Amino acid sequence: MTLDELTQRLRQFAAAREWEPFHTPKNLVMALAGEVGELTALFQWLTPEESAAWQDDPELAANVRDEIADVTLYLLQLADALGVDLLAAANAKIDRNELRFPAPDPRPAP
């Protein structure tokens, strides 16, 4: 499934429930922030080792996947509401970051 297909599925899901009036940019940003908070809470008190081994705990793993899905879905809905092409925006940002943070020269210094 592509991002466009997933966006269309989200549009249909919201339309079937008549939720479109509530999917304003403000509301979607707030919902996205809430979901990021829920994802953050899953890792908040874990040690670095525990957070790296998140998949070893089936309950944590299921919750992490659900929260990442929620973050993704709200981000897609927000981008759709704002008319932002996520892939184009992400690629443009990486391009700018490559200029701001050039990779070190892999050749040894003379």
PDB file of N, CA and C in Angstrom:
ATOM      1  N   MET A   1       0.842  -1.178   0.000  1.00  0.00           N
ATOM      2  CA  MET A   1       0.000   0.000   0.000  1.00  0.00           C
ATOM      3  C   MET A   1       0.888   1.242   0.000  1.00  0.00           C
ATOM      4  N   THR A   2       0.531   2.224  -0.782  1.00  0.00           N
ATOM      5  CA  THR A   2       1.281   3.474  -0.848  1.00  0.00           C
ATOM      6  C   THR A   2       0.732   4.465   0.180  1.00  0.00           C
ATOM      7  N   LEU A   3       1.478   5.562   0.402  1.00  0.00           N
ATOM      8  CA  LEU A   3       0.969   6.609   1.290  1.00  0.00           C
ATOM      9  C   LEU A   3      -0.321   7.212   0.733  1.00  0.00           C
ATOM     10  N   ASP A   4      -0.400   7.364  -0.578  1.00  0.00           N
ATOM     11  CA  ASP A   4      -1.620   7.903  -1.189  1.00  0.00           C
ATOM     12  C   ASP A   4      -2.811   6.974  -0.947  1.00  0.00           C
ATOM     13  N   GLU A   5      -2.587   5.680  -1.072  1.00  0.00           N
ATOM     14  CA  GLU A   5      -3.679   4.722  -0.833  1.00  0.00           C
ATOM     15  C   GLU A   5      -4.101   4.727   0.628  1.00  0.00           C
ATOM     16  N   LEU A   6      -3.133   4.825   1.531  1.00  0.00           N
ATOM     17  CA  LEU A   6      -3.457   4.871   2.956  1.00  0.00           C
ATOM     18  C   LEU A   6      -4.206   6.168   3.281  1.00  0.00           C
ATOM     19  N   THR A   7      -3.794   7.267   2.677  1.00  0.00           N
ATOM     20  CA  THR A   7      -4.491   8.537   2.874  1.00  0.00           C
ATOM     21  C   THR A   7      -5.935   8.426   2.398  1.00  0.00           C
ATOM     22  N   GLN A   8      -6.142   7.809   1.255  1.00  0.00           N
ATOM     23  CA  GLN A   8      -7.499   7.627   0.732  1.00  0.00           C
ATOM     24  C   GLN A   8      -8.323   6.747   1.681  1.00  0.00           C
ATOM     25  N   ARG A   9      -7.712   5.715   2.217  1.00  0.00           N
ATOM     26  CA  ARG A   9      -8.424   4.853   3.169  1.00  0.00           C
ATOM     27  C   ARG A   9      -8.824   5.649   4.414  1.00  0.00           C
ATOM     28  N   LEU A  10      -7.929   6.520   4.889  1.00  0.00           N
ATOM     29  CA  LEU A  10      -8.253   7.369   6.038  1.00  0.00           C
ATOM     30  C   LEU A  10      -9.393   8.332   5.715  1.00  0.00           C
ATOM     31  N   ARG A  11      -9.373   8.899   4.512  1.00  0.00           N
ATOM     32  CA  ARG A  11     -10.469   9.785   4.100  1.00  0.00           C
ATOM     33  C   ARG A  11     -11.803   9.047   4.138  1.00  0.00           C
ATOM     34  N   GLN A  12     -11.813   7.832   3.607  1.00  0.00           N
ATOM     35  CA  GLN A  12     -13.044   7.039   3.585  1.00  0.00           C
ATOM     36  C   GLN A  12     -13.492   6.674   4.997  1.00  0.00           C
ATOM     37  N   PHE A  13     -12.542   6.329   5.855  1.00  0.00           N
ATOM     38  CA  PHE A  13     -12.843   5.989   7.243  1.00  0.00           C
ATOM     39  C   PHE A  13     -13.508   7.176   7.945  1.00  0.00           C
ATOM     40  N   ALA A  14     -12.917   8.364   7.791  1.00  0.00           N
ATOM     41  CA  ALA A  14     -13.467   9.561   8.433  1.00  0.00           C
ATOM     42  C   ALA A  14     -14.828   9.931   7.839  1.00  0.00           C
ATOM     43  N   ALA A  15     -14.941   9.835   6.522  1.00  0.00           N
ATOM     44  CA  ALA A  15     -16.207  10.193   5.863  1.00  0.00           C
ATOM     45  C   ALA A  15     -17.337   9.283   6.310  1.00  0.00           C
ATOM     46  N   ALA A  16     -17.071   8.006   6.450  1.00  0.00           N
ATOM     47  CA  ALA A  16     -18.103   7.050   6.859  1.00  0.00           C
ATOM     48  C   ALA A  16     -18.637   7.363   8.256  1.00  0.00           C
ATOM     49  N   ARG A  17     -17.833   8.041   9.060  1.00  0.00           N
ATOM     50  CA  ARG A  17     -18.219   8.380  10.430  1.00  0.00           C
ATOM     51  C   ARG A  17     -18.591   9.856  10.582  1.00  0.00           C
ATOM     52  N   GLU A  18     -18.552  10.582   9.434  1.00  0.00           N
ATOM     53  CA  GLU A  18     -18.855  12.012   9.401  1.00  0.00           C
ATOM     54  C   GLU A  18     -17.960  12.805  10.350  1.00  0.00           C
ATOM     55  N   TRP A  19     -16.663  12.471  10.355  1.00  0.00           N
ATOM     56  CA  TRP A  19     -15.689  13.121  11.226  1.00  0.00           C
ATOM     57  C   TRP A  19     -14.963  14.276  10.540  1.00  0.00           C
ATOM     58  N   GLU A  20     -15.179  14.479   9.238  1.00  0.00           N
ATOM     59  CA  GLU A  20     -14.412  15.503   8.527  1.00  0.00           C
ATOM     60  C   GLU A  20     -14.465  16.878   9.187  1.00  0.00           C
ATOM     61  N   PRO A  21     -15.625  17.324   9.716  1.00  0.00           N
ATOM     62  CA  PRO A  21     -15.639  18.662  10.322  1.00  0.00           C
ATOM     63  C   PRO A  21     -14.673  18.810  11.506  1.00  0.00           C
ATOM     64  N   PHE A  22     -14.333  17.710  12.127  1.00  0.00           N
ATOM     65  CA  PHE A  22     -13.449  17.746  13.289  1.00  0.00           C
ATOM     66  C   PHE A  22     -11.966  17.643  12.912  1.00  0.00           C
ATOM     67  N   HIS A  23     -11.704  17.307  11.661  1.00  0.00           N
ATOM     68  CA  HIS A  23     -10.324  17.102  11.222  1.00  0.00           C
ATOM     69  C   HIS A  23      -9.716  18.392  10.678  1.00  0.00           C
ATOM     70  N   THR A  24      -9.731  19.412  11.526  1.00  0.00           N
ATOM     71  CA  THR A  24      -9.095  20.681  11.191  1.00  0.00           C
ATOM     72  C   THR A  24      -7.597  20.551  11.478  1.00  0.00           C
ATOM     73  N   PRO A  25      -6.787  21.400  10.865  1.00  0.00           N
ATOM     74  CA  PRO A  25      -5.350  21.326  11.175  1.00  0.00           C
ATOM     75  C   PRO A  25      -5.060  21.420  12.674  1.00  0.00           C
ATOM     76  N   LYS A  26      -5.724  22.337  13.373  1.00  0.00           N
ATOM     77  CA  LYS A  26      -5.511  22.482  14.820  1.00  0.00           C
ATOM     78  C   LYS A  26      -5.828  21.183  15.558  1.00  0.00           C
ATOM     79  N   ASN A  27      -6.965  20.607  15.278  1.00  0.00           N
ATOM     80  CA  ASN A  27      -7.357  19.376  15.971  1.00  0.00           C
ATOM     81  C   ASN A  27      -6.423  18.223  15.636  1.00  0.00           C
ATOM     82  N   LEU A  28      -6.014  18.142  14.371  1.00  0.00           N
ATOM     83  CA  LEU A  28      -5.116  17.053  13.973  1.00  0.00           C
ATOM     84  C   LEU A  28      -3.742  17.208  14.604  1.00  0.00           C
ATOM     85  N   VAL A  29      -3.237  18.432  14.696  1.00  0.00           N
ATOM     86  CA  VAL A  29      -1.950  18.660  15.359  1.00  0.00           C
ATOM     87  C   VAL A  29      -2.048  18.271  16.831  1.00  0.00           C
ATOM     88  N   MET A  30      -3.140  18.651  17.466  1.00  0.00           N
ATOM     89  CA  MET A  30      -3.306  18.318  18.883  1.00  0.00           C
ATOM     90  C   MET A  30      -3.411  16.808  19.081  1.00  0.00           C
ATOM     91  N   ALA A  31      -4.133  16.132  18.214  1.00  0.00           N
ATOM     92  CA  ALA A  31      -4.247  14.679  18.307  1.00  0.00           C
ATOM     93  C   ALA A  31      -2.894  14.013  18.067  1.00  0.00           C
ATOM     94  N   LEU A  32      -2.152  14.534  17.090  1.00  0.00           N
ATOM     95  CA  LEU A  32      -0.817  14.004  16.810  1.00  0.00           C
ATOM     96  C   LEU A  32       0.088  14.162  18.020  1.00  0.00           C
ATOM     97  N   ALA A  33       0.062  15.339  18.640  1.00  0.00           N
ATOM     98  CA  ALA A  33       0.884  15.581  19.829  1.00  0.00           C
ATOM     99  C   ALA A  33       0.495  14.620  20.954  1.00  0.00           C
ATOM    100  N   GLY A  34      -0.792  14.379  21.112  1.00  0.00           N
ATOM    101  CA  GLY A  34      -1.248  13.440  22.138  1.00  0.00           C
ATOM    102  C   GLY A  34      -0.736  12.037  21.896  1.00  0.00           C
ATOM    103  N   GLU A  35      -0.764  11.613  20.646  1.00  0.00           N
ATOM    104  CA  GLU A  35      -0.288  10.262  20.319  1.00  0.00           C
ATOM    105  C   GLU A  35       1.220  10.151  20.491  1.00  0.00           C
ATOM    106  N   VAL A  36       1.958  11.209  20.140  1.00  0.00           N
ATOM    107  CA  VAL A  36       3.404  11.208  20.384  1.00  0.00           C
ATOM    108  C   VAL A  36       3.664  11.109  21.884  1.00  0.00           C
ATOM    109  N   GLY A  37       2.851  11.789  22.674  1.00  0.00           N
ATOM    110  CA  GLY A  37       2.966  11.695  24.128  1.00  0.00           C
ATOM    111  C   GLY A  37       2.730  10.286  24.629  1.00  0.00           C
ATOM    112  N   GLU A  38       1.751   9.605  24.069  1.00  0.00           N
ATOM    113  CA  GLU A  38       1.472   8.224  24.474  1.00  0.00           C
ATOM    114  C   GLU A  38       2.637   7.311  24.099  1.00  0.00           C
ATOM    115  N   LEU A  39       3.234   7.528  22.946  1.00  0.00           N
ATOM    116  CA  LEU A  39       4.406   6.748  22.539  1.00  0.00           C
ATOM    117  C   LEU A  39       5.578   7.038  23.476  1.00  0.00           C
ATOM    118  N   THR A  40       5.758   8.309  23.788  1.00  0.00           N
ATOM    119  CA  THR A  40       6.831   8.706  24.697  1.00  0.00           C
ATOM    120  C   THR A  40       6.670   8.038  26.058  1.00  0.00           C
ATOM    121  N   ALA A  41       5.458   7.995  26.554  1.00  0.00           N
ATOM    122  CA  ALA A  41       5.199   7.414  27.873  1.00  0.00           C
ATOM    123  C   ALA A  41       5.602   5.940  27.942  1.00  0.00           C
ATOM    124  N   LEU A  42       5.516   5.244  26.816  1.00  0.00           N
ATOM    125  CA  LEU A  42       5.895   3.824  26.810  1.00  0.00           C
ATOM    126  C   LEU A  42       7.385   3.627  27.083  1.00  0.00           C
ATOM    127  N   PHE A  43       8.198   4.618  26.723  1.00  0.00           N
ATOM    128  CA  PHE A  43       9.648   4.516  26.887  1.00  0.00           C
ATOM    129  C   PHE A  43      10.184   5.348  28.052  1.00  0.00           C
ATOM    130  N   GLN A  44       9.328   6.153  28.650  1.00  0.00           N
ATOM    131  CA  GLN A  44       9.770   7.185  29.590  1.00  0.00           C
ATOM    132  C   GLN A  44      10.710   6.691  30.682  1.00  0.00           C
ATOM    133  N   TRP A  45      10.400   5.612  31.346  1.00  0.00           N
ATOM    134  CA  TRP A  45      11.198   5.180  32.490  1.00  0.00           C
ATOM    135  C   TRP A  45      12.050   3.966  32.194  1.00  0.00           C
ATOM    136  N   LEU A  46      12.172   3.594  30.921  1.00  0.00           N
ATOM    137  CA  LEU A  46      13.012   2.457  30.566  1.00  0.00           C
ATOM    138  C   LEU A  46      14.478   2.877  30.544  1.00  0.00           C
ATOM    139  N   THR A  47      15.342   1.947  30.884  1.00  0.00           N
ATOM    140  CA  THR A  47      16.771   2.194  30.729  1.00  0.00           C
ATOM    141  C   THR A  47      17.086   2.151  29.233  1.00  0.00           C
ATOM    142  N   PRO A  48      18.254   2.638  28.825  1.00  0.00           N
ATOM    143  CA  PRO A  48      18.616   2.517  27.407  1.00  0.00           C
ATOM    144  C   PRO A  48      18.587   1.071  26.926  1.00  0.00           C
ATOM    145  N   GLU A  49      19.023   0.154  27.778  1.00  0.00           N
ATOM    146  CA  GLU A  49      19.024  -1.269  27.400  1.00  0.00           C
ATOM    147  C   GLU A  49      17.602  -1.797  27.250  1.00  0.00           C
ATOM    148  N   GLU A  50      16.724  -1.427  28.178  1.00  0.00           N
ATOM    149  CA  GLU A  50      15.329  -1.869  28.100  1.00  0.00           C
ATOM    150  C   GLU A  50      14.642  -1.294  26.865  1.00  0.00           C
ATOM    151  N   SER A  51      14.932  -0.033  26.564  1.00  0.00           N
ATOM    152  CA  SER A  51      14.288   0.572  25.392  1.00  0.00           C
ATOM    153  C   SER A  51      14.776  -0.062  24.095  1.00  0.00           C
ATOM    154  N   ALA A  52      16.038  -0.489  24.063  1.00  0.00           N
ATOM    155  CA  ALA A  52      16.565  -1.166  22.872  1.00  0.00           C
ATOM    156  C   ALA A  52      15.957  -2.555  22.703  1.00  0.00           C
ATOM    157  N   ALA A  53      15.492  -3.138  23.810  1.00  0.00           N
ATOM    158  CA  ALA A  53      14.927  -4.498  23.777  1.00  0.00           C
ATOM    159  C   ALA A  53      13.399  -4.471  23.846  1.00  0.00           C
ATOM    160  N   TRP A  54      12.792  -3.404  23.369  1.00  0.00           N
ATOM    161  CA  TRP A  54      11.340  -3.237  23.476  1.00  0.00           C
ATOM    162  C   TRP A  54      10.548  -4.404  22.900  1.00  0.00           C
ATOM    163  N   GLN A  55      11.096  -5.054  21.885  1.00  0.00           N
ATOM    164  CA  GLN A  55      10.374  -6.150  21.231  1.00  0.00           C
ATOM    165  C   GLN A  55      10.349  -7.423  22.079  1.00  0.00           C
ATOM    166  N   ASP A  56      11.192  -7.485  23.099  1.00  0.00           N
ATOM    167  CA  ASP A  56      11.232  -8.672  23.949  1.00  0.00           C
ATOM    168  C   ASP A  56      10.023  -8.776  24.874  1.00  0.00           C
ATOM    169  N   ASP A  57       9.329  -7.678  25.072  1.00  0.00           N
ATOM    170  CA  ASP A  57       8.128  -7.648  25.915  1.00  0.00           C
ATOM    171  C   ASP A  57       6.916  -7.578  24.982  1.00  0.00           C
ATOM    172  N   PRO A  58       6.158  -8.682  24.857  1.00  0.00           N
ATOM    173  CA  PRO A  58       5.050  -8.700  23.890  1.00  0.00           C
ATOM    174  C   PRO A  58       4.020  -7.594  24.110  1.00  0.00           C
ATOM    175  N   GLU A  59       3.723  -7.275  25.347  1.00  0.00           N
ATOM    176  CA  GLU A  59       2.733  -6.230  25.612  1.00  0.00           C
ATOM    177  C   GLU A  59       3.273  -4.860  25.199  1.00  0.00           C
ATOM    178  N   LEU A  60       4.524  -4.584  25.562  1.00  0.00           N
ATOM    179  CA  LEU A  60       5.145  -3.321  25.163  1.00  0.00           C
ATOM    180  C   LEU A  60       5.245  -3.238  23.649  1.00  0.00           C
ATOM    181  N   ALA A  61       5.644  -4.325  23.026  1.00  0.00           N
ATOM    182  CA  ALA A  61       5.794  -4.330  21.566  1.00  0.00           C
ATOM    183  C   ALA A  61       4.465  -4.014  20.875  1.00  0.00           C
ATOM    184  N   ALA A  62       3.386  -4.612  21.356  1.00  0.00           N
ATOM    185  CA  ALA A  62       2.068  -4.351  20.768  1.00  0.00           C
ATOM    186  C   ALA A  62       1.674  -2.894  20.973  1.00  0.00           C
ATOM    187  N   ASN A  63       1.945  -2.363  22.153  1.00  0.00           N
ATOM    188  CA  ASN A  63       1.602  -0.969  22.436  1.00  0.00           C
ATOM    189  C   ASN A  63       2.443  -0.004  21.604  1.00  0.00           C
ATOM    190  N   VAL A  64       3.726  -0.295  21.443  1.00  0.00           N
ATOM    191  CA  VAL A  64       4.598   0.565  20.627  1.00  0.00           C
ATOM    192  C   VAL A  64       4.101   0.586  19.183  1.00  0.00           C
ATOM    193  N   ARG A  65       3.796  -0.573  18.657  1.00  0.00           N
ATOM    194  CA  ARG A  65       3.299  -0.635  17.275  1.00  0.00           C
ATOM    195  C   ARG A  65       2.000   0.160  17.117  1.00  0.00           C
ATOM    196  N   ASP A  66       1.087   0.016  18.086  1.00  0.00           N
ATOM    197  CA  ASP A  66      -0.179   0.756  18.020  1.00  0.00           C
ATOM    198  C   ASP A  66       0.048   2.258  18.066  1.00  0.00           C
ATOM    199  N   GLU A  67       0.924   2.714  18.957  1.00  0.00           N
ATOM    200  CA  GLU A  67       1.157   4.160  19.075  1.00  0.00           C
ATOM    201  C   GLU A  67       1.889   4.707  17.854  1.00  0.00           C
ATOM    202  N   ILE A  68       2.831   3.946  17.311  1.00  0.00           N
ATOM    203  CA  ILE A  68       3.490   4.383  16.074  1.00  0.00           C
ATOM    204  C   ILE A  68       2.465   4.464  14.945  1.00  0.00           C
ATOM    205  N   ALA A  69       1.550   3.515  14.900  1.00  0.00           N
ATOM    206  CA  ALA A  69       0.493   3.569  13.888  1.00  0.00           C
ATOM    207  C   ALA A  69      -0.371   4.811  14.083  1.00  0.00           C
ATOM    208  N   ASP A  70      -0.748   5.109  15.332  1.00  0.00           N
ATOM    209  CA  ASP A  70      -1.559   6.301  15.590  1.00  0.00           C
ATOM    210  C   ASP A  70      -0.836   7.572  15.155  1.00  0.00           C
ATOM    211  N   VAL A  71       0.454   7.676  15.482  1.00  0.00           N
ATOM    212  CA  VAL A  71       1.245   8.843  15.084  1.00  0.00           C
ATOM    213  C   VAL A  71       1.268   8.953  13.556  1.00  0.00           C
ATOM    214  N   THR A  72       1.500   7.837  12.895  1.00  0.00           N
ATOM    215  CA  THR A  72       1.554   7.825  11.432  1.00  0.00           C
ATOM    216  C   THR A  72       0.224   8.261  10.827  1.00  0.00           C
ATOM    217  N   LEU A  73      -0.858   7.727  11.350  1.00  0.00           N
ATOM    218  CA  LEU A  73      -2.177   8.030  10.786  1.00  0.00           C
ATOM    219  C   LEU A  73      -2.550   9.498  10.979  1.00  0.00           C
ATOM    220  N   TYR A  74      -2.287  10.038  12.158  1.00  0.00           N
ATOM    221  CA  TYR A  74      -2.587  11.460  12.366  1.00  0.00           C
ATOM    222  C   TYR A  74      -1.674  12.350  11.523  1.00  0.00           C
ATOM    223  N   LEU A  75      -0.416  11.967  11.369  1.00  0.00           N
ATOM    224  CA  LEU A  75       0.481  12.751  10.525  1.00  0.00           C
ATOM    225  C   LEU A  75       0.002  12.738   9.070  1.00  0.00           C
ATOM    226  N   LEU A  76      -0.426  11.585   8.591  1.00  0.00           N
ATOM    227  CA  LEU A  76      -0.973  11.504   7.231  1.00  0.00           C
ATOM    228  C   LEU A  76      -2.212  12.378   7.077  1.00  0.00           C
ATOM    229  N   GLN A  77      -3.089  12.326   8.073  1.00  0.00           N
ATOM    230  CA  GLN A  77      -4.303  13.140   7.999  1.00  0.00           C
ATOM    231  C   GLN A  77      -3.965  14.628   8.032  1.00  0.00           C
ATOM    232  N   LEU A  78      -3.005  15.017   8.855  1.00  0.00           N
ATOM    233  CA  LEU A  78      -2.604  16.412   8.916  1.00  0.00           C
ATOM    234  C   LEU A  78      -2.009  16.856   7.580  1.00  0.00           C
ATOM    235  N   ALA A  79      -1.112  16.059   7.031  1.00  0.00           N
ATOM    236  CA  ALA A  79      -0.511  16.398   5.739  1.00  0.00           C
ATOM    237  C   ALA A  79      -1.591  16.516   4.665  1.00  0.00           C
ATOM    238  N   ASP A  80      -2.556  15.620   4.695  1.00  0.00           N
ATOM    239  CA  ASP A  80      -3.647  15.658   3.727  1.00  0.00           C
ATOM    240  C   ASP A  80      -4.465  16.939   3.894  1.00  0.00           C
ATOM    241  N   ALA A  81      -4.780  17.280   5.129  1.00  0.00           N
ATOM    242  CA  ALA A  81      -5.575  18.485   5.388  1.00  0.00           C
ATOM    243  C   ALA A  81      -4.837  19.743   4.945  1.00  0.00           C
ATOM    244  N   LEU A  82      -3.505  19.742   5.058  1.00  0.00           N
ATOM    245  CA  LEU A  82      -2.705  20.915   4.693  1.00  0.00           C
ATOM    246  C   LEU A  82      -2.231  20.896   3.244  1.00  0.00           C
ATOM    247  N   GLY A  83      -2.469  19.785   2.544  1.00  0.00           N
ATOM    248  CA  GLY A  83      -2.019  19.672   1.161  1.00  0.00           C
ATOM    249  C   GLY A  83      -0.516  19.496   1.038  1.00  0.00           C
ATOM    250  N   VAL A  84       0.102  18.870   2.034  1.00  0.00           N
ATOM    251  CA  VAL A  84       1.548  18.652   2.034  1.00  0.00           C
ATOM    252  C   VAL A  84       1.847  17.243   1.534  1.00  0.00           C
ATOM    253  N   ASP A  85       2.711  17.142   0.545  1.00  0.00           N
ATOM    254  CA  ASP A  85       3.193  15.846   0.070  1.00  0.00           C
ATOM    255  C   ASP A  85       4.287  15.397   1.032  1.00  0.00           C
ATOM    256  N   LEU A  86       3.979  14.406   1.857  1.00  0.00           N
ATOM    257  CA  LEU A  86       4.914  13.968   2.901  1.00  0.00           C
ATOM    258  C   LEU A  86       6.249  13.505   2.337  1.00  0.00           C
ATOM    259  N   LEU A  87       6.213  12.705   1.288  1.00  0.00           N
ATOM    260  CA  LEU A  87       7.460  12.192   0.727  1.00  0.00           C
ATOM    261  C   LEU A  87       8.305  13.320   0.146  1.00  0.00           C
ATOM    262  N   ALA A  88       7.671  14.246  -0.548  1.00  0.00           N
ATOM    263  CA  ALA A  88       8.412  15.377  -1.112  1.00  0.00           C
ATOM    264  C   ALA A  88       8.984  16.250   0.006  1.00  0.00           C
ATOM    265  N   ALA A  89       8.189  16.505   1.041  1.00  0.00           N
ATOM    266  CA  ALA A  89       8.659  17.329   2.152  1.00  0.00           C
ATOM    267  C   ALA A  89       9.814  16.651   2.885  1.00  0.00           C
ATOM    268  N   ALA A  90       9.704  15.343   3.109  1.00  0.00           N
ATOM    269  CA  ALA A  90      10.766  14.618   3.808  1.00  0.00           C
ATOM    270  C   ALA A  90      12.048  14.598   2.984  1.00  0.00           C
ATOM    271  N   ASN A  91      11.932  14.359   1.696  1.00  0.00           N
ATOM    272  CA  ASN A  91      13.126  14.352   0.838  1.00  0.00           C
ATOM    273  C   ASN A  91      13.771  15.732   0.778  1.00  0.00           C
ATOM    274  N   ALA A  92      12.957  16.775   0.703  1.00  0.00           N
ATOM    275  CA  ALA A  92      13.503  18.137   0.679  1.00  0.00           C
ATOM    276  C   ALA A  92      14.222  18.446   1.987  1.00  0.00           C
ATOM    277  N   LYS A  93      13.684  17.970   3.094  1.00  0.00           N
ATOM    278  CA  LYS A  93      14.321  18.207   4.388  1.00  0.00           C
ATOM    279  C   LYS A  93      15.657  17.474   4.487  1.00  0.00           C
ATOM    280  N   ILE A  94      15.712  16.238   4.013  1.00  0.00           N
ATOM    281  CA  ILE A  94      16.988  15.499   4.005  1.00  0.00           C
ATOM    282  C   ILE A  94      18.001  16.222   3.123  1.00  0.00           C
ATOM    283  N   ASP A  95      17.553  16.719   1.967  1.00  0.00           N
ATOM    284  CA  ASP A  95      18.455  17.482   1.095  1.00  0.00           C
ATOM    285  C   ASP A  95      19.051  18.679   1.836  1.00  0.00           C
ATOM    286  N   ARG A  96      18.202  19.427   2.557  1.00  0.00           N
ATOM    287  CA  ARG A  96      18.694  20.583   3.310  1.00  0.00           C
ATOM    288  C   ARG A  96      19.637  20.145   4.431  1.00  0.00           C
ATOM    289  N   ASN A  97      19.314  19.036   5.099  1.00  0.00           N
ATOM    290  CA  ASN A  97      20.169  18.542   6.180  1.00  0.00           C
ATOM    291  C   ASN A  97      21.523  18.073   5.669  1.00  0.00           C
ATOM    292  N   GLU A  98      21.551  17.510   4.465  1.00  0.00           N
ATOM    293  CA  GLU A  98      22.841  17.096   3.889  1.00  0.00           C
ATOM    294  C   GLU A  98      23.753  18.293   3.674  1.00  0.00           C
ATOM    295  N   LEU A  99      23.168  19.432   3.346  1.00  0.00           N
ATOM    296  CA  LEU A  99      23.966  20.648   3.180  1.00  0.00           C
ATOM    297  C   LEU A  99      24.381  21.225   4.537  1.00  0.00           C
ATOM    298  N   ARG A 100      23.489  21.184   5.493  1.00  0.00           N
ATOM    299  CA  ARG A 100      23.786  21.731   6.826  1.00  0.00           C
ATOM    300  C   ARG A 100      24.770  20.864   7.601  1.00  0.00           C
ATOM    301  N   PHE A 101      24.674  19.560   7.413  1.00  0.00           N
ATOM    302  CA  PHE A 101      25.490  18.608   8.176  1.00  0.00           C
ATOM    303  C   PHE A 101      26.212  17.661   7.231  1.00  0.00           C
ATOM    304  N   PRO A 102      27.237  18.147   6.535  1.00  0.00           N
ATOM    305  CA  PRO A 102      27.921  17.286   5.570  1.00  0.00           C
ATOM    306  C   PRO A 102      28.592  16.110   6.272  1.00  0.00           C
ATOM    307  N   ALA A 103      28.609  14.987   5.578  1.00  0.00           N
ATOM    308  CA  ALA A 103      29.271  13.797   6.106  1.00  0.00           C
ATOM    309  C   ALA A 103      30.769  14.029   6.116  1.00  0.00           C
ATOM    310  N   PRO A 104      31.470  13.473   7.114  1.00  0.00           N
ATOM    311  CA  PRO A 104      32.923  13.645   7.131  1.00  0.00           C
ATOM    312  C   PRO A 104      33.551  12.937   5.944  1.00  0.00           C
ATOM    313  N   ASP A 105      34.674  13.464   5.503  1.00  0.00           N
ATOM    314  CA  ASP A 105      35.412  12.870   4.400  1.00  0.00           C
ATOM    315  C   ASP A 105      35.974  11.529   4.886  1.00  0.00           C
ATOM    316  N   PRO A 106      35.617  10.421   4.204  1.00  0.00           N
ATOM    317  CA  PRO A 106      36.075   9.102   4.658  1.00  0.00           C
ATOM    318  C   PRO A 106      37.564   8.842   4.400  1.00  0.00           C
ATOM    319  N   ARG A 107      38.188   9.710   3.609  1.00  0.00           N
ATOM    320  CA  ARG A 107      39.619   9.514   3.323  1.00  0.00           C
ATOM    321  C   ARG A 107      40.452   9.909   4.542  1.00  0.00           C
ATOM    322  N   PRO A 108      41.481   9.137   4.833  1.00  0.00           N
ATOM    323  CA  PRO A 108      42.340   9.509   5.976  1.00  0.00           C
ATOM    324  C   PRO A 108      43.070  10.814   5.701  1.00  0.00           C
ATOM    325  N   ALA A 109      43.287  11.556   6.757  1.00  0.00           N
ATOM    326  CA  ALA A 109      44.027  12.827   6.635  1.00  0.00           C
ATOM    327  C   ALA A 109      45.485  12.518   6.305  1.00  0.00           C
ATOM    328  N   PRO A 110      46.104  13.370   5.483  1.00  0.00           N
ATOM    329  CA  PRO A 110      47.511  13.118   5.108  1.00  0.00           C
ATOM    330  C   PRO A 110      48.462  13.294   6.280  1.00  0.00           C
TER     331      PRO A 110
END
